[in-house]
Amino acid sequence: MSLSGSAYLEIIGPDLGQPETGRDPGPSGSTPLAEPKLVAWCVRPGQPLSVVVERVRAAGYDPGEIVTMSRTRPDGVELV
């Protein structure tokens, strides 16, 4: 869902109607969830990510491991 400009909201979840792929489902790990919940989020800041991570850690929040991710839309456009 477009939020404005280059910002968008993407909700990703399992499609139980699809065959099992055997792949890790992503940042949430391979443990099935007992209920819907937020397990990961991503951001593309307007400054180097290392600067943002340093600032939030200095403020007492640990964002955990930072993972670079991307995906290709069905029309071939890569979202990075």
N, C-alpha and C. Protein backbone atom coordinates (compact mmCIF):
# COMPACT_ATOMS: atom_id res chain seq x y z
N MET A 1 0.85 -1.15 0.00
CA MET A 1 0.00 0.00 0.00
C MET A 1 0.90 1.23 0.00
N SER A 2 0.68 2.12 -0.94
CA SER A 2 1.46 3.35 -1.01
C SER A 2 1.07 4.27 0.14
N LEU A 3 2.08 4.81 0.83
CA LEU A 3 1.83 5.76 1.91
C LEU A 3 2.08 7.19 1.45
N SER A 4 2.99 7.37 0.51
CA SER A 4 3.29 8.64 -0.14
C SER A 4 4.71 8.55 -0.68
N GLY A 5 4.95 9.22 -1.79
CA GLY A 5 6.29 9.21 -2.38
C GLY A 5 6.81 7.80 -2.53
N SER A 6 7.98 7.53 -1.94
CA SER A 6 8.57 6.20 -2.02
C SER A 6 8.28 5.35 -0.78
N ALA A 7 7.40 5.83 0.10
CA ALA A 7 7.04 5.07 1.31
C ALA A 7 5.87 4.16 1.02
N TYR A 8 5.97 2.93 1.51
CA TYR A 8 4.87 1.99 1.32
C TYR A 8 4.81 1.02 2.49
N LEU A 9 3.67 0.42 2.68
CA LEU A 9 3.46 -0.60 3.70
C LEU A 9 3.26 -1.92 2.99
N GLU A 10 4.01 -2.92 3.41
CA GLU A 10 3.90 -4.24 2.81
C GLU A 10 3.69 -5.25 3.93
N ILE A 11 2.60 -5.97 3.88
CA ILE A 11 2.31 -7.00 4.87
C ILE A 11 2.60 -8.34 4.22
N ILE A 12 3.47 -9.11 4.86
CA ILE A 12 3.89 -10.39 4.32
C ILE A 12 3.49 -11.49 5.30
N GLY A 13 2.90 -12.51 4.79
CA GLY A 13 2.50 -13.62 5.65
C GLY A 13 2.41 -14.89 4.85
N PRO A 14 2.25 -16.00 5.54
CA PRO A 14 2.16 -17.28 4.83
C PRO A 14 0.84 -17.42 4.09
N ASP A 15 0.88 -18.09 2.97
CA ASP A 15 -0.32 -18.45 2.22
C ASP A 15 -0.49 -19.94 2.41
N LEU A 16 -1.34 -20.31 3.33
CA LEU A 16 -1.48 -21.72 3.70
C LEU A 16 -2.06 -22.56 2.57
N GLY A 17 -2.56 -21.92 1.51
CA GLY A 17 -3.06 -22.65 0.36
C GLY A 17 -1.98 -23.06 -0.62
N GLN A 18 -0.75 -22.58 -0.40
CA GLN A 18 0.37 -22.89 -1.29
C GLN A 18 1.14 -24.10 -0.76
N PRO A 19 1.78 -24.86 -1.66
CA PRO A 19 2.59 -25.99 -1.19
C PRO A 19 3.79 -25.52 -0.39
N GLU A 20 4.24 -26.35 0.54
CA GLU A 20 5.41 -26.06 1.37
C GLU A 20 6.64 -25.97 0.47
N THR A 21 7.47 -24.93 0.66
CA THR A 21 8.66 -24.75 -0.17
C THR A 21 9.92 -25.28 0.49
N GLY A 22 9.89 -25.42 1.81
CA GLY A 22 11.09 -25.85 2.53
C GLY A 22 12.06 -24.71 2.78
N ARG A 23 11.71 -23.50 2.31
CA ARG A 23 12.58 -22.33 2.52
C ARG A 23 12.29 -21.70 3.87
N ASP A 24 13.31 -21.06 4.43
CA ASP A 24 13.13 -20.27 5.64
C ASP A 24 12.18 -19.13 5.29
N PRO A 25 11.17 -18.85 6.12
CA PRO A 25 10.19 -17.82 5.80
C PRO A 25 10.71 -16.40 5.89
N GLY A 26 11.96 -16.18 6.25
CA GLY A 26 12.50 -14.83 6.28
C GLY A 26 12.94 -14.41 7.66
N PRO A 27 12.91 -13.09 7.93
CA PRO A 27 13.44 -12.57 9.18
C PRO A 27 12.78 -13.14 10.42
N SER A 28 11.56 -13.64 10.31
CA SER A 28 10.88 -14.16 11.49
C SER A 28 11.42 -15.52 11.91
N GLY A 29 12.27 -16.13 11.12
CA GLY A 29 12.80 -17.45 11.44
C GLY A 29 11.85 -18.53 11.00
N SER A 30 12.12 -19.75 11.42
CA SER A 30 11.31 -20.86 10.94
C SER A 30 10.27 -21.33 11.96
N THR A 31 10.19 -20.68 13.12
CA THR A 31 9.22 -21.06 14.13
C THR A 31 7.85 -20.50 13.76
N PRO A 32 6.85 -21.36 13.63
CA PRO A 32 5.50 -20.87 13.30
C PRO A 32 4.97 -19.96 14.41
N LEU A 33 4.21 -18.96 14.04
CA LEU A 33 3.61 -18.06 15.02
C LEU A 33 2.29 -18.64 15.52
N ALA A 34 2.00 -18.44 16.80
CA ALA A 34 0.74 -18.89 17.37
C ALA A 34 -0.38 -17.90 17.07
N GLU A 35 -0.01 -16.65 16.79
CA GLU A 35 -0.99 -15.59 16.51
C GLU A 35 -0.32 -14.53 15.65
N PRO A 36 -1.11 -13.72 14.95
CA PRO A 36 -0.53 -12.65 14.13
C PRO A 36 0.21 -11.64 15.02
N LYS A 37 1.38 -11.20 14.57
CA LYS A 37 2.12 -10.16 15.28
C LYS A 37 3.21 -9.61 14.38
N LEU A 38 3.70 -8.41 14.72
CA LEU A 38 4.80 -7.79 13.99
C LEU A 38 6.09 -8.48 14.42
N VAL A 39 6.84 -9.00 13.45
CA VAL A 39 8.08 -9.69 13.79
C VAL A 39 9.30 -9.01 13.19
N ALA A 40 9.11 -8.12 12.23
CA ALA A 40 10.24 -7.43 11.60
C ALA A 40 9.72 -6.19 10.89
N TRP A 41 10.61 -5.24 10.67
CA TRP A 41 10.26 -4.06 9.90
C TRP A 41 11.51 -3.59 9.19
N CYS A 42 11.34 -2.74 8.21
CA CYS A 42 12.50 -2.23 7.49
C CYS A 42 12.34 -0.75 7.22
N VAL A 43 13.46 -0.12 6.91
CA VAL A 43 13.46 1.32 6.66
C VAL A 43 14.63 1.64 5.74
N ARG A 44 14.44 2.67 4.93
CA ARG A 44 15.55 3.21 4.13
C ARG A 44 15.71 4.66 4.57
N PRO A 45 16.65 4.93 5.48
CA PRO A 45 16.81 6.29 6.01
C PRO A 45 17.45 7.22 4.98
N GLY A 46 17.31 8.51 5.22
CA GLY A 46 17.90 9.51 4.33
C GLY A 46 19.36 9.78 4.62
N GLN A 47 19.96 9.01 5.49
CA GLN A 47 21.38 9.14 5.83
C GLN A 47 21.95 7.73 5.96
N PRO A 48 23.27 7.60 6.07
CA PRO A 48 23.85 6.25 6.16
C PRO A 48 23.22 5.46 7.32
N LEU A 49 22.90 4.21 7.05
CA LEU A 49 22.26 3.37 8.04
C LEU A 49 23.12 3.23 9.29
N SER A 50 24.43 3.19 9.13
CA SER A 50 25.32 3.06 10.29
C SER A 50 25.14 4.23 11.26
N VAL A 51 24.89 5.43 10.73
CA VAL A 51 24.66 6.61 11.57
C VAL A 51 23.36 6.45 12.35
N VAL A 52 22.31 5.99 11.68
CA VAL A 52 21.02 5.80 12.32
C VAL A 52 21.11 4.74 13.42
N VAL A 53 21.75 3.62 13.12
CA VAL A 53 21.90 2.54 14.10
C VAL A 53 22.67 3.03 15.32
N GLU A 54 23.74 3.76 15.09
CA GLU A 54 24.53 4.30 16.20
C GLU A 54 23.67 5.21 17.08
N ARG A 55 22.86 6.07 16.46
CA ARG A 55 22.00 6.98 17.23
C ARG A 55 20.95 6.24 18.04
N VAL A 56 20.29 5.25 17.45
CA VAL A 56 19.24 4.57 18.20
C VAL A 56 19.84 3.70 19.31
N ARG A 57 21.01 3.12 19.07
CA ARG A 57 21.65 2.35 20.15
C ARG A 57 22.09 3.27 21.29
N ALA A 58 22.59 4.47 20.96
CA ALA A 58 22.96 5.44 21.98
C ALA A 58 21.75 5.89 22.80
N ALA A 59 20.57 5.83 22.18
CA ALA A 59 19.33 6.21 22.87
C ALA A 59 18.74 5.05 23.68
N GLY A 60 19.43 3.88 23.67
CA GLY A 60 18.99 2.76 24.47
C GLY A 60 18.15 1.72 23.76
N TYR A 61 18.03 1.83 22.44
CA TYR A 61 17.26 0.83 21.69
C TYR A 61 18.21 0.00 20.86
N ASP A 62 18.10 -1.32 20.96
CA ASP A 62 18.94 -2.19 20.15
C ASP A 62 18.09 -2.75 19.01
N PRO A 63 18.33 -2.31 17.78
CA PRO A 63 17.53 -2.81 16.66
C PRO A 63 17.87 -4.24 16.25
N GLY A 64 18.86 -4.84 16.89
CA GLY A 64 19.25 -6.20 16.53
C GLY A 64 20.14 -6.19 15.30
N GLU A 65 20.25 -7.36 14.69
CA GLU A 65 21.09 -7.49 13.50
C GLU A 65 20.48 -6.72 12.33
N ILE A 66 21.28 -5.96 11.63
CA ILE A 66 20.84 -5.22 10.47
C ILE A 66 21.08 -6.10 9.24
N VAL A 67 20.04 -6.35 8.47
CA VAL A 67 20.11 -7.25 7.33
C VAL A 67 19.70 -6.51 6.06
N THR A 68 20.55 -6.52 5.05
CA THR A 68 20.22 -5.93 3.76
C THR A 68 19.32 -6.89 3.00
N MET A 69 18.20 -6.39 2.52
CA MET A 69 17.25 -7.25 1.83
C MET A 69 16.76 -6.55 0.56
N SER A 70 16.23 -7.32 -0.36
CA SER A 70 15.60 -6.79 -1.56
C SER A 70 14.66 -7.85 -2.10
N ARG A 71 13.83 -7.45 -3.03
CA ARG A 71 12.99 -8.42 -3.74
C ARG A 71 12.66 -7.84 -5.10
N THR A 72 12.28 -8.71 -6.01
CA THR A 72 11.92 -8.28 -7.36
C THR A 72 10.41 -8.42 -7.53
N ARG A 73 9.78 -7.34 -7.94
CA ARG A 73 8.33 -7.36 -8.18
C ARG A 73 8.04 -8.19 -9.42
N PRO A 74 6.79 -8.61 -9.58
CA PRO A 74 6.43 -9.37 -10.78
C PRO A 74 6.74 -8.67 -12.11
N ASP A 75 6.78 -7.30 -12.07
CA ASP A 75 7.08 -6.56 -13.31
C ASP A 75 8.58 -6.41 -13.55
N GLY A 76 9.41 -7.05 -12.68
CA GLY A 76 10.86 -7.03 -12.89
C GLY A 76 11.59 -5.92 -12.15
N VAL A 77 10.89 -4.98 -11.52
CA VAL A 77 11.53 -3.89 -10.79
C VAL A 77 12.06 -4.44 -9.46
N GLU A 78 13.35 -4.18 -9.19
CA GLU A 78 13.94 -4.62 -7.92
C GLU A 78 13.75 -3.56 -6.87
N LEU A 79 13.19 -3.96 -5.73
CA LEU A 79 13.02 -3.07 -4.58
C LEU A 79 14.17 -3.36 -3.63
N VAL A 80 14.98 -2.34 -3.36
CA VAL A 80 16.16 -2.51 -2.51
C VAL A 80 15.97 -1.70 -1.25
